[in-house]
Amino acid sequence: MNKEILPLGAIEANCVVLWNDPSAAWIVDPGADANRLCAFLSDKGLTPALVALTHAHFDHIGAISDLVTKWPALPIHLAPADEQIAFHPQNAWPPYYSPTARPATLALDLVEGAVLSAGGLSARVLATPGHTPGGVCLHFESDHLLLTGDTLFAGSCGRTDFPGGSMTTLSKSLKRLAALPPETDVIPGHGGATTIARELASNPFLK
């Protein structure tokens, strides 16, 4: 698996580009800076096969409209429980992030146990609500990789003071992640990469 982490936008959310087959790259959480993202794809000779969203906050979805304009058939995968948040006019932070229009290619299929497959890559969806009602993690089991969005950070976890957030619910989701193999690499929605082992040893929210 090839992967690149691109911190995009004013809040520097991690957009992750993954590929084995350059004609079928994955884009996870394209939060902003579509021009920068598209330039990276062009430089690497990559064509996106899908966009997957770990959750619906504006800093993780802001480049969707531009991507769909460039690739009109590009599927956008989201958890159904985050649909109302994603395209609400208040899901924005002007002047840095404008509201996102609902794409015609939206697929509300990121539900517990679902499997996304494209370009020789496959990820299982782990429902991990708490930061948002529809927060998910993407587990590439054969590659020992977990994309956690804003559920788990290196040394911390996501906020729960936004509408729909719940610390009680997030704690249950974190407990579930703590049971994954310790050697699992973790790419969070913000900040540096880590591992489950490292978080078990040092993250107070995984105790």
N, C-alpha and C. Protein backbone atom coordinates (compact mmCIF):
# COMPACT_ATOMS: atom_id res chain seq x y z
N MET A 1 0.84 -1.19 0.00
CA MET A 1 0.00 0.00 0.00
C MET A 1 0.88 1.25 0.00
N ASN A 2 0.53 2.19 -0.88
CA ASN A 2 1.16 3.50 -0.87
C ASN A 2 0.22 4.47 -0.16
N LYS A 3 0.77 5.39 0.61
CA LYS A 3 -0.09 6.34 1.31
C LYS A 3 0.62 7.68 1.48
N GLU A 4 -0.17 8.72 1.49
CA GLU A 4 0.34 10.07 1.68
C GLU A 4 -0.63 10.82 2.59
N ILE A 5 -0.09 11.51 3.59
CA ILE A 5 -0.90 12.32 4.50
C ILE A 5 -0.73 13.77 4.10
N LEU A 6 -1.84 14.43 3.77
CA LEU A 6 -1.81 15.83 3.37
C LEU A 6 -2.63 16.64 4.38
N PRO A 7 -1.99 17.37 5.30
CA PRO A 7 -2.76 18.24 6.19
C PRO A 7 -3.30 19.43 5.39
N LEU A 8 -4.62 19.53 5.29
CA LEU A 8 -5.25 20.52 4.42
C LEU A 8 -6.11 21.49 5.21
N GLY A 9 -6.15 22.73 4.73
CA GLY A 9 -7.06 23.72 5.30
C GLY A 9 -6.51 24.42 6.51
N ALA A 10 -7.28 25.41 6.97
CA ALA A 10 -6.86 26.23 8.11
C ALA A 10 -6.69 25.42 9.38
N ILE A 11 -7.45 24.34 9.52
CA ILE A 11 -7.37 23.50 10.72
C ILE A 11 -6.47 22.29 10.48
N GLU A 12 -5.91 22.17 9.29
CA GLU A 12 -4.95 21.13 8.96
C GLU A 12 -5.46 19.72 9.28
N ALA A 13 -6.64 19.43 8.78
CA ALA A 13 -7.14 18.06 8.90
C ALA A 13 -6.35 17.16 7.95
N ASN A 14 -6.06 15.97 8.41
CA ASN A 14 -5.28 15.02 7.59
C ASN A 14 -6.15 14.40 6.51
N CYS A 15 -5.86 14.76 5.27
CA CYS A 15 -6.43 14.04 4.13
C CYS A 15 -5.45 12.93 3.79
N VAL A 16 -5.95 11.71 3.67
CA VAL A 16 -5.08 10.56 3.40
C VAL A 16 -5.40 10.03 2.01
N VAL A 17 -4.37 9.92 1.19
CA VAL A 17 -4.50 9.33 -0.14
C VAL A 17 -3.82 7.97 -0.12
N LEU A 18 -4.52 6.94 -0.55
CA LEU A 18 -4.04 5.56 -0.51
C LEU A 18 -4.17 4.95 -1.89
N TRP A 19 -3.19 4.15 -2.28
CA TRP A 19 -3.31 3.50 -3.58
C TRP A 19 -2.36 2.31 -3.71
N ASN A 20 -2.82 1.30 -4.41
CA ASN A 20 -1.99 0.26 -4.99
C ASN A 20 -2.02 0.41 -6.50
N ASP A 21 -3.23 0.57 -7.01
CA ASP A 21 -3.46 0.79 -8.43
C ASP A 21 -3.62 2.29 -8.66
N PRO A 22 -2.74 2.92 -9.43
CA PRO A 22 -2.83 4.38 -9.61
C PRO A 22 -4.11 4.84 -10.28
N SER A 23 -4.83 3.93 -10.92
CA SER A 23 -6.10 4.31 -11.54
C SER A 23 -7.27 4.19 -10.58
N ALA A 24 -6.99 3.83 -9.31
CA ALA A 24 -8.07 3.63 -8.34
C ALA A 24 -7.61 4.04 -6.95
N ALA A 25 -7.24 5.30 -6.79
CA ALA A 25 -6.78 5.79 -5.49
C ALA A 25 -7.96 6.12 -4.58
N TRP A 26 -7.70 6.00 -3.29
CA TRP A 26 -8.68 6.38 -2.27
C TRP A 26 -8.32 7.77 -1.75
N ILE A 27 -9.35 8.58 -1.49
CA ILE A 27 -9.17 9.86 -0.80
C ILE A 27 -10.02 9.82 0.45
N VAL A 28 -9.39 9.97 1.60
CA VAL A 28 -10.11 9.94 2.87
C VAL A 28 -10.04 11.33 3.50
N ASP A 29 -11.19 11.92 3.76
CA ASP A 29 -11.33 13.23 4.41
C ASP A 29 -10.66 14.37 3.64
N PRO A 30 -11.15 14.67 2.45
CA PRO A 30 -10.62 15.83 1.70
C PRO A 30 -11.21 17.13 2.26
N GLY A 31 -10.55 17.72 3.24
CA GLY A 31 -11.15 18.80 4.01
C GLY A 31 -11.11 20.16 3.36
N ALA A 32 -10.14 20.42 2.48
CA ALA A 32 -9.97 21.76 1.91
C ALA A 32 -8.87 21.67 0.85
N ASP A 33 -8.50 22.84 0.32
CA ASP A 33 -7.35 22.95 -0.59
C ASP A 33 -7.43 21.94 -1.73
N ALA A 34 -8.55 21.94 -2.44
CA ALA A 34 -8.72 20.99 -3.54
C ALA A 34 -7.62 21.12 -4.58
N ASN A 35 -7.16 22.34 -4.82
CA ASN A 35 -6.10 22.54 -5.81
C ASN A 35 -4.82 21.81 -5.41
N ARG A 36 -4.47 21.88 -4.13
CA ARG A 36 -3.28 21.19 -3.65
C ARG A 36 -3.45 19.68 -3.76
N LEU A 37 -4.63 19.20 -3.39
CA LEU A 37 -4.91 17.77 -3.46
C LEU A 37 -4.86 17.28 -4.90
N CYS A 38 -5.49 18.01 -5.80
CA CYS A 38 -5.49 17.61 -7.20
C CYS A 38 -4.10 17.66 -7.81
N ALA A 39 -3.30 18.64 -7.38
CA ALA A 39 -1.92 18.71 -7.87
C ALA A 39 -1.12 17.50 -7.43
N PHE A 40 -1.34 17.05 -6.19
CA PHE A 40 -0.66 15.84 -5.71
C PHE A 40 -1.08 14.63 -6.55
N LEU A 41 -2.38 14.49 -6.78
CA LEU A 41 -2.87 13.36 -7.57
C LEU A 41 -2.26 13.38 -8.97
N SER A 42 -2.21 14.56 -9.56
CA SER A 42 -1.64 14.68 -10.90
C SER A 42 -0.16 14.33 -10.91
N ASP A 43 0.58 14.81 -9.92
CA ASP A 43 2.02 14.54 -9.85
C ASP A 43 2.30 13.04 -9.74
N LYS A 44 1.43 12.33 -9.04
CA LYS A 44 1.61 10.89 -8.84
C LYS A 44 0.93 10.05 -9.92
N GLY A 45 0.22 10.71 -10.84
CA GLY A 45 -0.49 9.96 -11.87
C GLY A 45 -1.67 9.17 -11.34
N LEU A 46 -2.33 9.72 -10.31
CA LEU A 46 -3.41 9.00 -9.63
C LEU A 46 -4.77 9.50 -10.09
N THR A 47 -5.69 8.55 -10.21
CA THR A 47 -7.09 8.86 -10.48
C THR A 47 -7.92 8.35 -9.30
N PRO A 48 -8.72 9.20 -8.68
CA PRO A 48 -9.48 8.73 -7.51
C PRO A 48 -10.61 7.80 -7.88
N ALA A 49 -10.75 6.75 -7.08
CA ALA A 49 -11.85 5.79 -7.25
C ALA A 49 -12.98 6.08 -6.29
N LEU A 50 -12.66 6.65 -5.13
CA LEU A 50 -13.68 6.92 -4.14
C LEU A 50 -13.17 7.94 -3.13
N VAL A 51 -14.13 8.57 -2.46
CA VAL A 51 -13.86 9.42 -1.30
C VAL A 51 -14.58 8.79 -0.12
N ALA A 52 -13.88 8.61 0.98
CA ALA A 52 -14.49 8.11 2.21
C ALA A 52 -14.33 9.16 3.29
N LEU A 53 -15.39 9.40 4.04
CA LEU A 53 -15.40 10.43 5.08
C LEU A 53 -15.53 9.78 6.46
N THR A 54 -14.56 10.04 7.32
CA THR A 54 -14.64 9.47 8.67
C THR A 54 -15.73 10.13 9.49
N HIS A 55 -16.07 11.36 9.16
CA HIS A 55 -17.19 12.06 9.77
C HIS A 55 -17.48 13.30 8.95
N ALA A 56 -18.48 14.08 9.38
CA ALA A 56 -19.04 15.09 8.49
C ALA A 56 -18.64 16.52 8.81
N HIS A 57 -17.75 16.77 9.74
CA HIS A 57 -17.41 18.15 10.06
C HIS A 57 -16.76 18.86 8.89
N PHE A 58 -16.98 20.16 8.82
CA PHE A 58 -16.57 20.96 7.65
C PHE A 58 -15.10 20.82 7.30
N ASP A 59 -14.25 20.64 8.29
CA ASP A 59 -12.80 20.60 8.02
C ASP A 59 -12.36 19.25 7.44
N HIS A 60 -13.30 18.33 7.30
CA HIS A 60 -12.99 17.02 6.70
C HIS A 60 -13.69 16.79 5.37
N ILE A 61 -14.59 17.71 4.99
CA ILE A 61 -15.38 17.48 3.77
C ILE A 61 -15.30 18.64 2.78
N GLY A 62 -14.55 19.69 3.09
CA GLY A 62 -14.64 20.93 2.36
C GLY A 62 -14.23 20.91 0.90
N ALA A 63 -13.46 19.92 0.47
CA ALA A 63 -13.01 19.86 -0.92
C ALA A 63 -13.91 18.99 -1.80
N ILE A 64 -14.98 18.45 -1.23
CA ILE A 64 -15.81 17.50 -1.98
C ILE A 64 -16.39 18.12 -3.24
N SER A 65 -16.94 19.32 -3.13
CA SER A 65 -17.60 19.92 -4.29
C SER A 65 -16.64 20.07 -5.46
N ASP A 66 -15.42 20.51 -5.19
CA ASP A 66 -14.44 20.66 -6.25
C ASP A 66 -14.04 19.32 -6.85
N LEU A 67 -13.93 18.30 -6.01
CA LEU A 67 -13.56 16.97 -6.52
C LEU A 67 -14.65 16.41 -7.43
N VAL A 68 -15.90 16.60 -7.03
CA VAL A 68 -17.00 16.07 -7.84
C VAL A 68 -17.15 16.87 -9.13
N THR A 69 -16.79 18.15 -9.09
CA THR A 69 -16.80 18.93 -10.33
C THR A 69 -15.78 18.37 -11.32
N LYS A 70 -14.62 17.99 -10.80
CA LYS A 70 -13.55 17.45 -11.66
C LYS A 70 -13.82 16.02 -12.08
N TRP A 71 -14.37 15.22 -11.16
CA TRP A 71 -14.70 13.81 -11.45
C TRP A 71 -16.17 13.58 -11.10
N PRO A 72 -17.09 13.86 -12.02
CA PRO A 72 -18.53 13.85 -11.70
C PRO A 72 -19.07 12.51 -11.20
N ALA A 73 -18.42 11.42 -11.54
CA ALA A 73 -18.93 10.10 -11.12
C ALA A 73 -18.29 9.62 -9.81
N LEU A 74 -17.46 10.44 -9.19
CA LEU A 74 -16.70 10.01 -8.01
C LEU A 74 -17.64 9.75 -6.84
N PRO A 75 -17.69 8.51 -6.33
CA PRO A 75 -18.58 8.23 -5.18
C PRO A 75 -18.02 8.81 -3.89
N ILE A 76 -18.93 9.37 -3.10
CA ILE A 76 -18.59 9.96 -1.80
C ILE A 76 -19.28 9.12 -0.73
N HIS A 77 -18.50 8.46 0.11
CA HIS A 77 -19.05 7.53 1.11
C HIS A 77 -19.09 8.19 2.49
N LEU A 78 -20.24 8.10 3.15
CA LEU A 78 -20.47 8.73 4.44
C LEU A 78 -21.40 7.85 5.27
N ALA A 79 -21.30 7.96 6.59
CA ALA A 79 -22.23 7.25 7.47
C ALA A 79 -23.59 7.95 7.46
N PRO A 80 -24.68 7.20 7.42
CA PRO A 80 -26.00 7.82 7.38
C PRO A 80 -26.27 8.76 8.55
N ALA A 81 -25.74 8.44 9.72
CA ALA A 81 -26.02 9.26 10.90
C ALA A 81 -25.39 10.63 10.84
N ASP A 82 -24.46 10.86 9.91
CA ASP A 82 -23.83 12.17 9.78
C ASP A 82 -24.35 12.97 8.60
N GLU A 83 -25.35 12.46 7.91
CA GLU A 83 -25.87 13.15 6.72
C GLU A 83 -26.39 14.54 7.07
N GLN A 84 -27.14 14.67 8.15
CA GLN A 84 -27.74 15.95 8.49
C GLN A 84 -26.68 16.99 8.87
N ILE A 85 -25.60 16.55 9.49
CA ILE A 85 -24.52 17.47 9.84
C ILE A 85 -23.80 17.95 8.59
N ALA A 86 -23.50 17.02 7.69
CA ALA A 86 -22.60 17.30 6.57
C ALA A 86 -23.04 18.48 5.74
N PHE A 87 -24.31 18.54 5.40
CA PHE A 87 -24.77 19.51 4.41
C PHE A 87 -25.67 20.59 5.01
N HIS A 88 -25.56 20.74 6.33
CA HIS A 88 -26.29 21.81 7.01
C HIS A 88 -25.58 23.14 6.77
N PRO A 89 -26.32 24.22 6.54
CA PRO A 89 -25.67 25.51 6.27
C PRO A 89 -24.72 25.97 7.38
N GLN A 90 -24.94 25.52 8.60
CA GLN A 90 -24.08 25.94 9.70
C GLN A 90 -22.83 25.08 9.83
N ASN A 91 -22.70 24.06 9.00
CA ASN A 91 -21.49 23.24 9.02
C ASN A 91 -20.43 23.94 8.17
N ALA A 92 -19.92 25.04 8.72
CA ALA A 92 -19.00 25.91 8.00
C ALA A 92 -18.25 26.76 9.01
N TRP A 93 -17.19 27.41 8.54
CA TRP A 93 -16.41 28.32 9.38
C TRP A 93 -15.86 29.43 8.48
N PRO A 94 -16.75 30.38 8.14
CA PRO A 94 -16.30 31.43 7.23
C PRO A 94 -15.21 32.29 7.87
N PRO A 95 -14.28 32.79 7.07
CA PRO A 95 -14.19 32.66 5.61
C PRO A 95 -13.39 31.45 5.16
N TYR A 96 -12.99 30.60 6.09
CA TYR A 96 -12.07 29.50 5.75
C TYR A 96 -12.77 28.29 5.14
N TYR A 97 -13.99 28.00 5.63
CA TYR A 97 -14.72 26.83 5.15
C TYR A 97 -16.16 27.23 4.86
N SER A 98 -16.59 27.05 3.63
CA SER A 98 -17.97 27.33 3.24
C SER A 98 -18.82 26.08 3.41
N PRO A 99 -20.14 26.23 3.48
CA PRO A 99 -21.00 25.03 3.51
C PRO A 99 -20.77 24.15 2.29
N THR A 100 -20.92 22.86 2.46
CA THR A 100 -20.72 21.89 1.38
C THR A 100 -22.07 21.45 0.83
N ALA A 101 -22.22 21.50 -0.49
CA ALA A 101 -23.45 21.03 -1.13
C ALA A 101 -23.47 19.51 -1.17
N ARG A 102 -24.65 18.96 -1.04
CA ARG A 102 -24.80 17.51 -1.10
C ARG A 102 -24.46 17.02 -2.51
N PRO A 103 -23.48 16.13 -2.65
CA PRO A 103 -23.12 15.64 -3.99
C PRO A 103 -24.12 14.62 -4.51
N ALA A 104 -24.29 14.61 -5.81
CA ALA A 104 -25.22 13.64 -6.41
C ALA A 104 -24.73 12.22 -6.25
N THR A 105 -23.43 12.05 -6.03
CA THR A 105 -22.83 10.71 -5.93
C THR A 105 -22.71 10.23 -4.49
N LEU A 106 -23.43 10.87 -3.56
CA LEU A 106 -23.34 10.50 -2.15
C LEU A 106 -23.86 9.08 -1.93
N ALA A 107 -23.08 8.28 -1.20
CA ALA A 107 -23.49 6.93 -0.81
C ALA A 107 -23.45 6.86 0.72
N LEU A 108 -24.61 6.66 1.32
CA LEU A 108 -24.70 6.61 2.79
C LEU A 108 -24.53 5.16 3.24
N ASP A 109 -23.34 4.63 3.05
CA ASP A 109 -23.12 3.20 3.25
C ASP A 109 -21.99 2.87 4.23
N LEU A 110 -21.47 3.86 4.92
CA LEU A 110 -20.42 3.56 5.91
C LEU A 110 -21.08 3.17 7.22
N VAL A 111 -21.47 1.93 7.29
CA VAL A 111 -22.13 1.38 8.47
C VAL A 111 -21.28 0.25 9.03
N GLU A 112 -21.51 -0.08 10.27
CA GLU A 112 -20.74 -1.10 10.96
C GLU A 112 -20.63 -2.38 10.13
N GLY A 113 -19.38 -2.82 9.93
CA GLY A 113 -19.13 -4.07 9.24
C GLY A 113 -19.09 -3.98 7.73
N ALA A 114 -19.47 -2.85 7.16
CA ALA A 114 -19.40 -2.70 5.71
C ALA A 114 -17.95 -2.76 5.25
N VAL A 115 -17.74 -3.20 4.03
CA VAL A 115 -16.40 -3.29 3.47
C VAL A 115 -16.34 -2.47 2.19
N LEU A 116 -15.37 -1.56 2.13
CA LEU A 116 -15.09 -0.81 0.91
C LEU A 116 -13.92 -1.49 0.21
N SER A 117 -14.02 -1.66 -1.09
CA SER A 117 -12.94 -2.28 -1.86
C SER A 117 -12.79 -1.54 -3.19
N ALA A 118 -11.56 -1.25 -3.55
CA ALA A 118 -11.26 -0.65 -4.84
C ALA A 118 -9.75 -0.66 -5.03
N GLY A 119 -9.32 -0.91 -6.26
CA GLY A 119 -7.91 -0.80 -6.59
C GLY A 119 -6.98 -1.68 -5.78
N GLY A 120 -7.46 -2.83 -5.38
CA GLY A 120 -6.63 -3.74 -4.60
C GLY A 120 -6.54 -3.41 -3.12
N LEU A 121 -7.32 -2.44 -2.66
CA LEU A 121 -7.37 -2.07 -1.25
C LEU A 121 -8.75 -2.41 -0.70
N SER A 122 -8.78 -2.78 0.58
CA SER A 122 -10.04 -3.13 1.21
C SER A 122 -10.01 -2.67 2.66
N ALA A 123 -11.09 -2.03 3.09
CA ALA A 123 -11.19 -1.55 4.47
C ALA A 123 -12.54 -1.91 5.05
N ARG A 124 -12.52 -2.33 6.30
CA ARG A 124 -13.75 -2.60 7.02
C ARG A 124 -14.14 -1.37 7.83
N VAL A 125 -15.41 -1.06 7.84
CA VAL A 125 -15.91 0.10 8.57
C VAL A 125 -16.18 -0.27 10.02
N LEU A 126 -15.59 0.50 10.93
CA LEU A 126 -15.87 0.37 12.35
C LEU A 126 -16.67 1.59 12.77
N ALA A 127 -17.89 1.39 13.21
CA ALA A 127 -18.70 2.51 13.69
C ALA A 127 -18.15 2.97 15.03
N THR A 128 -17.70 4.23 15.10
CA THR A 128 -17.09 4.75 16.32
C THR A 128 -17.69 6.12 16.63
N PRO A 129 -18.98 6.16 16.97
CA PRO A 129 -19.62 7.45 17.26
C PRO A 129 -19.09 8.07 18.56
N GLY A 130 -19.42 9.32 18.74
CA GLY A 130 -19.01 10.05 19.94
C GLY A 130 -18.58 11.45 19.61
N HIS A 131 -17.63 11.59 18.69
CA HIS A 131 -17.26 12.91 18.19
C HIS A 131 -18.40 13.46 17.35
N THR A 132 -18.95 12.62 16.49
CA THR A 132 -20.21 12.87 15.79
C THR A 132 -21.03 11.59 15.86
N PRO A 133 -22.34 11.68 15.60
CA PRO A 133 -23.16 10.46 15.68
C PRO A 133 -22.76 9.39 14.67
N GLY A 134 -22.21 9.81 13.52
CA GLY A 134 -21.86 8.85 12.49
C GLY A 134 -20.37 8.68 12.28
N GLY A 135 -19.58 8.99 13.27
CA GLY A 135 -18.14 8.83 13.14
C GLY A 135 -17.76 7.38 12.88
N VAL A 136 -16.81 7.18 11.97
CA VAL A 136 -16.34 5.83 11.68
C VAL A 136 -14.81 5.83 11.61
N CYS A 137 -14.24 4.65 11.77
CA CYS A 137 -12.84 4.39 11.48
C CYS A 137 -12.77 3.40 10.33
N LEU A 138 -11.72 3.48 9.54
CA LEU A 138 -11.51 2.57 8.43
C LEU A 138 -10.33 1.67 8.78
N HIS A 139 -10.60 0.37 8.82
CA HIS A 139 -9.59 -0.60 9.26
C HIS A 139 -9.12 -1.42 8.05
N PHE A 140 -7.91 -1.16 7.63
CA PHE A 140 -7.28 -1.94 6.56
C PHE A 140 -6.53 -3.09 7.24
N GLU A 141 -7.26 -4.14 7.51
CA GLU A 141 -6.75 -5.20 8.38
C GLU A 141 -5.48 -5.84 7.81
N SER A 142 -5.46 -6.14 6.52
CA SER A 142 -4.30 -6.82 5.95
C SER A 142 -3.07 -5.92 5.92
N ASP A 143 -3.28 -4.61 5.99
CA ASP A 143 -2.17 -3.66 6.00
C ASP A 143 -1.86 -3.14 7.39
N HIS A 144 -2.58 -3.63 8.40
CA HIS A 144 -2.36 -3.22 9.79
C HIS A 144 -2.46 -1.71 9.94
N LEU A 145 -3.49 -1.13 9.31
CA LEU A 145 -3.64 0.32 9.30
C LEU A 145 -5.06 0.69 9.70
N LEU A 146 -5.16 1.74 10.53
CA LEU A 146 -6.44 2.24 10.99
C LEU A 146 -6.47 3.75 10.78
N LEU A 147 -7.49 4.23 10.06
CA LEU A 147 -7.71 5.67 9.92
C LEU A 147 -8.83 6.04 10.89
N THR A 148 -8.52 6.89 11.85
CA THR A 148 -9.43 7.12 12.97
C THR A 148 -10.20 8.43 12.91
N GLY A 149 -9.96 9.27 11.90
CA GLY A 149 -10.65 10.55 11.89
C GLY A 149 -10.42 11.29 13.19
N ASP A 150 -11.49 11.85 13.75
CA ASP A 150 -11.36 12.59 15.01
C ASP A 150 -11.81 11.76 16.21
N THR A 151 -11.86 10.44 16.05
CA THR A 151 -12.16 9.58 17.20
C THR A 151 -10.95 9.47 18.11
N LEU A 152 -9.81 9.16 17.56
CA LEU A 152 -8.58 8.95 18.33
C LEU A 152 -7.45 9.77 17.73
N PHE A 153 -6.74 10.51 18.58
CA PHE A 153 -5.53 11.22 18.19
C PHE A 153 -4.35 10.64 18.96
N ALA A 154 -3.15 10.97 18.52
CA ALA A 154 -1.97 10.61 19.30
C ALA A 154 -2.02 11.34 20.63
N GLY A 155 -2.20 10.59 21.71
CA GLY A 155 -2.22 11.16 23.05
C GLY A 155 -3.53 11.78 23.47
N SER A 156 -4.54 11.73 22.62
CA SER A 156 -5.80 12.40 22.95
C SER A 156 -6.95 11.76 22.18
N CYS A 157 -8.09 12.46 22.15
CA CYS A 157 -9.25 11.99 21.40
C CYS A 157 -10.04 13.20 20.94
N GLY A 158 -11.09 12.96 20.18
CA GLY A 158 -11.87 14.05 19.63
C GLY A 158 -12.72 14.76 20.66
N ARG A 159 -13.09 15.99 20.32
CA ARG A 159 -13.98 16.77 21.17
C ARG A 159 -15.39 16.20 21.12
N THR A 160 -16.14 16.45 22.19
CA THR A 160 -17.53 15.99 22.23
C THR A 160 -18.49 17.12 22.56
N ASP A 161 -18.02 18.38 22.46
CA ASP A 161 -18.87 19.51 22.80
C ASP A 161 -19.57 20.11 21.59
N PHE A 162 -19.43 19.49 20.42
CA PHE A 162 -20.20 19.91 19.26
C PHE A 162 -21.57 19.23 19.29
N PRO A 163 -22.56 19.78 18.56
CA PRO A 163 -23.88 19.11 18.50
C PRO A 163 -23.74 17.66 18.06
N GLY A 164 -24.40 16.78 18.80
CA GLY A 164 -24.35 15.35 18.48
C GLY A 164 -23.21 14.61 19.13
N GLY A 165 -22.31 15.33 19.81
CA GLY A 165 -21.18 14.69 20.48
C GLY A 165 -21.57 14.10 21.82
N SER A 166 -20.86 13.08 22.24
CA SER A 166 -21.13 12.44 23.53
C SER A 166 -19.85 11.78 24.04
N MET A 167 -19.36 12.21 25.19
CA MET A 167 -18.16 11.61 25.77
C MET A 167 -18.42 10.17 26.20
N THR A 168 -19.62 9.91 26.69
CA THR A 168 -19.96 8.54 27.08
C THR A 168 -19.88 7.61 25.88
N THR A 169 -20.45 8.06 24.77
CA THR A 169 -20.43 7.25 23.54
C THR A 169 -19.01 7.13 23.00
N LEU A 170 -18.27 8.24 23.01
CA LEU A 170 -16.89 8.19 22.50
C LEU A 170 -16.03 7.25 23.33
N SER A 171 -16.23 7.23 24.64
CA SER A 171 -15.44 6.34 25.49
C SER A 171 -15.66 4.88 25.11
N LYS A 172 -16.88 4.53 24.74
CA LYS A 172 -17.16 3.16 24.30
C LYS A 172 -16.44 2.87 22.98
N SER A 173 -16.43 3.85 22.09
CA SER A 173 -15.73 3.66 20.82
C SER A 173 -14.23 3.51 21.02
N LEU A 174 -13.67 4.30 21.93
CA LEU A 174 -12.23 4.20 22.21
C LEU A 174 -11.87 2.86 22.83
N LYS A 175 -12.75 2.36 23.67
CA LYS A 175 -12.51 1.05 24.28
C LYS A 175 -12.45 -0.03 23.19
N ARG A 176 -13.28 0.14 22.18
CA ARG A 176 -13.27 -0.81 21.08
C ARG A 176 -11.95 -0.73 20.31
N LEU A 177 -11.46 0.47 20.05
CA LEU A 177 -10.19 0.61 19.35
C LEU A 177 -9.03 0.06 20.17
N ALA A 178 -9.12 0.18 21.48
CA ALA A 178 -8.06 -0.32 22.36
C ALA A 178 -7.89 -1.83 22.25
N ALA A 179 -8.93 -2.52 21.77
CA ALA A 179 -8.86 -3.98 21.65
C ALA A 179 -8.27 -4.44 20.33
N LEU A 180 -7.96 -3.52 19.44
CA LEU A 180 -7.35 -3.90 18.16
C LEU A 180 -5.90 -4.34 18.36
N PRO A 181 -5.32 -5.05 17.40
CA PRO A 181 -3.93 -5.50 17.56
C PRO A 181 -2.98 -4.33 17.85
N PRO A 182 -2.11 -4.48 18.83
CA PRO A 182 -1.21 -3.38 19.22
C PRO A 182 -0.33 -2.88 18.09
N GLU A 183 -0.01 -3.75 17.13
CA GLU A 183 0.87 -3.34 16.04
C GLU A 183 0.17 -2.50 14.98
N THR A 184 -1.11 -2.25 15.15
CA THR A 184 -1.87 -1.47 14.17
C THR A 184 -1.34 -0.04 14.09
N ASP A 185 -1.00 0.38 12.90
CA ASP A 185 -0.63 1.79 12.67
C ASP A 185 -1.90 2.63 12.63
N VAL A 186 -1.80 3.83 13.18
CA VAL A 186 -2.96 4.73 13.28
C VAL A 186 -2.63 6.06 12.61
N ILE A 187 -3.49 6.46 11.68
CA ILE A 187 -3.42 7.81 11.12
C ILE A 187 -4.68 8.54 11.58
N PRO A 188 -4.52 9.54 12.46
CA PRO A 188 -5.69 10.26 12.96
C PRO A 188 -6.09 11.40 12.04
N GLY A 189 -7.19 12.05 12.39
CA GLY A 189 -7.70 13.14 11.58
C GLY A 189 -6.92 14.43 11.71
N HIS A 190 -6.12 14.55 12.75
CA HIS A 190 -5.25 15.70 12.95
C HIS A 190 -3.98 15.22 13.65
N GLY A 191 -2.87 15.87 13.36
CA GLY A 191 -1.64 15.55 14.06
C GLY A 191 -0.92 14.34 13.49
N GLY A 192 0.09 13.89 14.25
CA GLY A 192 0.96 12.85 13.76
C GLY A 192 0.40 11.45 13.89
N ALA A 193 1.01 10.54 13.13
CA ALA A 193 0.63 9.13 13.18
C ALA A 193 1.10 8.49 14.48
N THR A 194 0.49 7.36 14.81
CA THR A 194 0.84 6.66 16.03
C THR A 194 0.54 5.17 15.83
N THR A 195 0.51 4.41 16.90
CA THR A 195 0.12 3.01 16.87
C THR A 195 -0.82 2.73 18.03
N ILE A 196 -1.56 1.66 17.94
CA ILE A 196 -2.42 1.27 19.06
C ILE A 196 -1.56 0.98 20.29
N ALA A 197 -0.42 0.32 20.10
CA ALA A 197 0.46 0.02 21.23
C ALA A 197 0.90 1.29 21.95
N ARG A 198 1.29 2.29 21.18
CA ARG A 198 1.75 3.54 21.78
C ARG A 198 0.63 4.23 22.55
N GLU A 199 -0.57 4.18 21.98
CA GLU A 199 -1.70 4.82 22.66
C GLU A 199 -2.12 4.06 23.91
N LEU A 200 -2.04 2.75 23.86
CA LEU A 200 -2.33 1.97 25.07
C LEU A 200 -1.37 2.31 26.20
N ALA A 201 -0.15 2.62 25.83
CA ALA A 201 0.87 2.92 26.84
C ALA A 201 0.79 4.33 27.38
N SER A 202 0.26 5.28 26.57
CA SER A 202 0.40 6.68 26.98
C SER A 202 -0.86 7.53 26.90
N ASN A 203 -1.88 7.06 26.22
CA ASN A 203 -3.07 7.89 26.02
C ASN A 203 -4.04 7.66 27.16
N PRO A 204 -4.31 8.68 27.98
CA PRO A 204 -5.21 8.48 29.13
C PRO A 204 -6.63 8.09 28.73
N PHE A 205 -7.04 8.41 27.50
CA PHE A 205 -8.40 8.11 27.07
C PHE A 205 -8.56 6.64 26.66
N LEU A 206 -7.46 5.91 26.56
CA LEU A 206 -7.52 4.48 26.25
C LEU A 206 -7.30 3.61 27.48
N LYS A 207 -7.19 4.25 28.63
CA LYS A 207 -6.98 3.47 29.85
C LYS A 207 -8.29 2.83 30.32
